[in-house]
């Protein structure tokens, strides 16, 4: 079996970062998916909706997805 893939998490604020990491880890445990995915410890923080949309070009959201992808071994983003 191949090595687990990275699951990159996006969250809005610091409270969301910790809560989301705990929730996703519990879900992976409950569904015995730890052999397939592991949670990346470095959650990408998002601002509010207005900070994700840049009317002058590439949105901040697209750039954050590109950052997540550069971490390598990415299997999913949440």
N, C-alpha and C. Protein backbone atom coordinates (compact mmCIF):
# COMPACT_ATOMS: atom_id res chain seq x y z
N UNK A 1 0.83 -1.18 0.00
CA UNK A 1 0.00 0.00 0.00
C UNK A 1 0.88 1.24 0.00
N UNK A 2 0.45 2.27 -0.70
CA UNK A 2 1.25 3.49 -0.79
C UNK A 2 1.12 4.32 0.48
N UNK A 3 2.05 5.25 0.64
CA UNK A 3 2.07 6.12 1.81
C UNK A 3 0.85 7.04 1.82
N UNK A 4 0.39 7.44 3.00
CA UNK A 4 -0.76 8.36 3.08
C UNK A 4 -0.47 9.69 2.39
N UNK A 5 -1.50 10.28 1.86
CA UNK A 5 -1.42 11.59 1.21
C UNK A 5 -1.77 12.69 2.21
N UNK A 6 -1.28 13.87 1.94
CA UNK A 6 -1.49 15.05 2.79
C UNK A 6 -2.90 15.60 2.59
N UNK A 7 -3.57 15.94 3.70
CA UNK A 7 -4.85 16.63 3.67
C UNK A 7 -4.61 18.04 4.19
N UNK A 8 -4.68 19.02 3.32
CA UNK A 8 -4.46 20.42 3.69
C UNK A 8 -5.79 21.04 4.09
N UNK A 9 -5.80 21.70 5.23
CA UNK A 9 -7.02 22.31 5.76
C UNK A 9 -6.95 23.82 5.60
N UNK A 10 -8.08 24.39 5.22
CA UNK A 10 -8.26 25.84 5.17
C UNK A 10 -9.25 26.21 6.27
N UNK A 11 -8.97 27.26 7.04
CA UNK A 11 -9.87 27.71 8.10
C UNK A 11 -9.85 29.22 8.16
N UNK A 12 -10.94 29.79 8.68
CA UNK A 12 -11.06 31.25 8.67
C UNK A 12 -10.21 31.94 9.73
N UNK A 13 -10.36 31.59 10.98
CA UNK A 13 -9.62 32.26 12.04
C UNK A 13 -8.87 31.27 12.91
N UNK A 14 -8.17 31.76 13.94
CA UNK A 14 -7.37 30.89 14.79
C UNK A 14 -8.22 29.85 15.49
N UNK A 15 -9.41 30.23 15.97
CA UNK A 15 -10.30 29.25 16.60
C UNK A 15 -10.73 28.18 15.62
N UNK A 16 -10.98 28.59 14.39
CA UNK A 16 -11.36 27.65 13.34
C UNK A 16 -10.24 26.70 13.00
N UNK A 17 -9.03 27.16 13.09
CA UNK A 17 -7.86 26.32 12.80
C UNK A 17 -7.82 25.13 13.74
N UNK A 18 -7.89 25.39 15.03
CA UNK A 18 -7.80 24.31 16.02
C UNK A 18 -9.02 23.39 15.95
N UNK A 19 -10.20 23.98 15.84
CA UNK A 19 -11.42 23.18 15.80
C UNK A 19 -11.47 22.30 14.55
N UNK A 20 -11.09 22.85 13.44
CA UNK A 20 -11.13 22.10 12.18
C UNK A 20 -10.13 20.96 12.19
N UNK A 21 -8.94 21.20 12.71
CA UNK A 21 -7.94 20.12 12.79
C UNK A 21 -8.46 18.97 13.64
N UNK A 22 -9.06 19.29 14.79
CA UNK A 22 -9.59 18.24 15.66
C UNK A 22 -10.72 17.48 14.98
N UNK A 23 -11.62 18.21 14.34
CA UNK A 23 -12.76 17.57 13.67
C UNK A 23 -12.30 16.64 12.55
N UNK A 24 -11.39 17.11 11.73
CA UNK A 24 -10.92 16.30 10.60
C UNK A 24 -10.18 15.07 11.09
N UNK A 25 -9.37 15.21 12.13
CA UNK A 25 -8.66 14.05 12.68
C UNK A 25 -9.64 13.01 13.22
N UNK A 26 -10.70 13.48 13.90
CA UNK A 26 -11.72 12.56 14.41
C UNK A 26 -12.42 11.84 13.27
N UNK A 27 -12.73 12.57 12.21
CA UNK A 27 -13.39 11.95 11.05
C UNK A 27 -12.49 10.90 10.40
N UNK A 28 -11.21 11.21 10.26
CA UNK A 28 -10.29 10.23 9.68
C UNK A 28 -10.19 8.99 10.56
N UNK A 29 -10.13 9.20 11.88
CA UNK A 29 -10.08 8.06 12.81
C UNK A 29 -11.35 7.22 12.71
N UNK A 30 -12.49 7.89 12.74
CA UNK A 30 -13.78 7.19 12.73
C UNK A 30 -13.95 6.35 11.48
N UNK A 31 -13.45 6.86 10.36
CA UNK A 31 -13.62 6.14 9.09
C UNK A 31 -12.37 5.34 8.70
N UNK A 32 -11.46 5.21 9.66
CA UNK A 32 -10.23 4.45 9.47
C UNK A 32 -9.52 4.85 8.17
N UNK A 33 -9.41 6.15 7.99
CA UNK A 33 -8.81 6.69 6.76
C UNK A 33 -7.38 7.16 6.97
N UNK A 34 -6.81 6.90 8.14
CA UNK A 34 -5.45 7.37 8.42
C UNK A 34 -4.41 6.68 7.55
N UNK A 35 -4.76 5.55 6.97
CA UNK A 35 -3.83 4.88 6.06
C UNK A 35 -3.80 5.56 4.70
N UNK A 36 -4.82 6.39 4.44
CA UNK A 36 -4.94 7.05 3.14
C UNK A 36 -4.55 8.52 3.21
N UNK A 37 -4.96 9.21 4.29
CA UNK A 37 -4.72 10.65 4.45
C UNK A 37 -4.13 10.96 5.82
N UNK A 38 -3.30 11.98 5.87
CA UNK A 38 -2.85 12.53 7.15
C UNK A 38 -3.09 14.04 7.12
N UNK A 39 -3.40 14.61 8.28
CA UNK A 39 -3.70 16.03 8.38
C UNK A 39 -2.40 16.82 8.42
N UNK A 40 -2.27 17.76 7.50
CA UNK A 40 -1.13 18.68 7.49
C UNK A 40 -1.25 19.56 8.73
N UNK A 41 -0.19 19.65 9.52
CA UNK A 41 -0.21 20.44 10.75
C UNK A 41 -0.32 21.94 10.50
N UNK A 42 0.03 22.38 9.32
CA UNK A 42 0.05 23.81 9.00
C UNK A 42 -1.21 24.20 8.23
N UNK A 43 -2.25 24.56 9.00
CA UNK A 43 -3.52 24.96 8.42
C UNK A 43 -3.35 26.32 7.74
N UNK A 44 -3.95 26.48 6.59
CA UNK A 44 -3.89 27.75 5.87
C UNK A 44 -5.07 28.60 6.34
N UNK A 45 -4.74 29.76 6.92
CA UNK A 45 -5.79 30.64 7.42
C UNK A 45 -6.32 31.51 6.30
N UNK A 46 -7.65 31.58 6.23
CA UNK A 46 -8.32 32.42 5.26
C UNK A 46 -8.86 33.64 5.99
N UNK A 47 -8.99 34.72 5.28
CA UNK A 47 -9.67 35.88 5.86
C UNK A 47 -11.15 35.73 5.57
N UNK A 48 -11.87 36.80 5.67
CA UNK A 48 -13.28 36.78 5.32
C UNK A 48 -13.45 36.67 3.81
N UNK A 49 -14.68 36.57 3.38
CA UNK A 49 -14.99 36.41 1.97
C UNK A 49 -14.41 37.53 1.12
N UNK A 50 -14.47 38.76 1.61
CA UNK A 50 -13.97 39.88 0.82
C UNK A 50 -12.46 39.80 0.60
N UNK A 51 -11.75 39.20 1.52
CA UNK A 51 -10.30 39.08 1.33
C UNK A 51 -9.94 37.96 0.35
N UNK A 52 -10.88 37.07 0.07
CA UNK A 52 -10.61 35.97 -0.85
C UNK A 52 -10.85 36.36 -2.31
N UNK A 53 -11.53 37.45 -2.52
CA UNK A 53 -11.88 37.86 -3.88
C UNK A 53 -11.09 39.12 -4.23
N UNK A 54 -10.30 39.02 -5.26
CA UNK A 54 -9.52 40.15 -5.73
C UNK A 54 -10.01 40.49 -7.13
N UNK A 55 -10.63 41.62 -7.27
CA UNK A 55 -11.23 41.99 -8.55
C UNK A 55 -10.18 42.34 -9.61
N UNK A 56 -8.95 42.56 -9.22
CA UNK A 56 -7.93 42.99 -10.16
C UNK A 56 -7.16 41.86 -10.80
N UNK A 57 -7.48 40.63 -10.53
CA UNK A 57 -6.72 39.52 -11.11
C UNK A 57 -7.01 38.23 -10.38
N UNK A 58 -5.98 37.45 -10.17
CA UNK A 58 -6.13 36.16 -9.51
C UNK A 58 -6.62 36.36 -8.08
N UNK A 59 -7.61 35.60 -7.70
CA UNK A 59 -8.14 35.74 -6.35
C UNK A 59 -7.14 35.19 -5.33
N UNK A 60 -7.29 35.66 -4.11
CA UNK A 60 -6.45 35.18 -3.01
C UNK A 60 -6.68 33.69 -2.79
N UNK A 61 -7.91 33.24 -3.04
CA UNK A 61 -8.25 31.83 -2.88
C UNK A 61 -7.38 30.97 -3.79
N UNK A 62 -7.25 31.37 -5.05
CA UNK A 62 -6.44 30.60 -6.00
C UNK A 62 -4.99 30.55 -5.54
N UNK A 63 -4.47 31.66 -5.06
CA UNK A 63 -3.08 31.66 -4.59
C UNK A 63 -2.90 30.76 -3.37
N UNK A 64 -3.90 30.71 -2.49
CA UNK A 64 -3.80 29.83 -1.31
C UNK A 64 -3.86 28.36 -1.72
N UNK A 65 -4.65 28.03 -2.71
CA UNK A 65 -4.70 26.65 -3.21
C UNK A 65 -3.35 26.28 -3.83
N UNK A 66 -2.73 27.21 -4.53
CA UNK A 66 -1.41 26.95 -5.11
C UNK A 66 -0.37 26.72 -4.03
N UNK A 67 -0.45 27.48 -2.94
CA UNK A 67 0.47 27.29 -1.81
C UNK A 67 0.30 25.89 -1.22
N UNK A 68 -0.95 25.49 -1.05
CA UNK A 68 -1.23 24.15 -0.51
C UNK A 68 -0.67 23.07 -1.43
N UNK A 69 -0.85 23.24 -2.71
CA UNK A 69 -0.38 22.25 -3.69
C UNK A 69 1.14 22.11 -3.67
N UNK A 70 1.84 23.22 -3.42
CA UNK A 70 3.31 23.19 -3.39
C UNK A 70 3.87 22.40 -2.21
N UNK A 71 3.05 22.09 -1.23
CA UNK A 71 3.53 21.33 -0.07
C UNK A 71 3.86 19.89 -0.44
N UNK A 72 3.37 19.46 -1.57
CA UNK A 72 3.70 18.12 -2.05
C UNK A 72 2.86 17.02 -1.41
N UNK A 73 2.74 15.94 -2.12
CA UNK A 73 2.03 14.75 -1.64
C UNK A 73 0.60 15.07 -1.21
N UNK A 74 -0.03 16.05 -1.87
CA UNK A 74 -1.39 16.47 -1.50
C UNK A 74 -2.40 15.49 -2.08
N UNK A 75 -3.26 14.99 -1.21
CA UNK A 75 -4.31 14.09 -1.64
C UNK A 75 -5.67 14.73 -1.57
N UNK A 76 -5.81 15.79 -0.72
CA UNK A 76 -7.10 16.46 -0.57
C UNK A 76 -6.90 17.81 0.11
N UNK A 77 -7.87 18.67 -0.10
CA UNK A 77 -7.92 19.98 0.58
C UNK A 77 -9.32 20.13 1.14
N UNK A 78 -9.39 20.70 2.36
CA UNK A 78 -10.68 20.84 3.05
C UNK A 78 -10.80 22.24 3.59
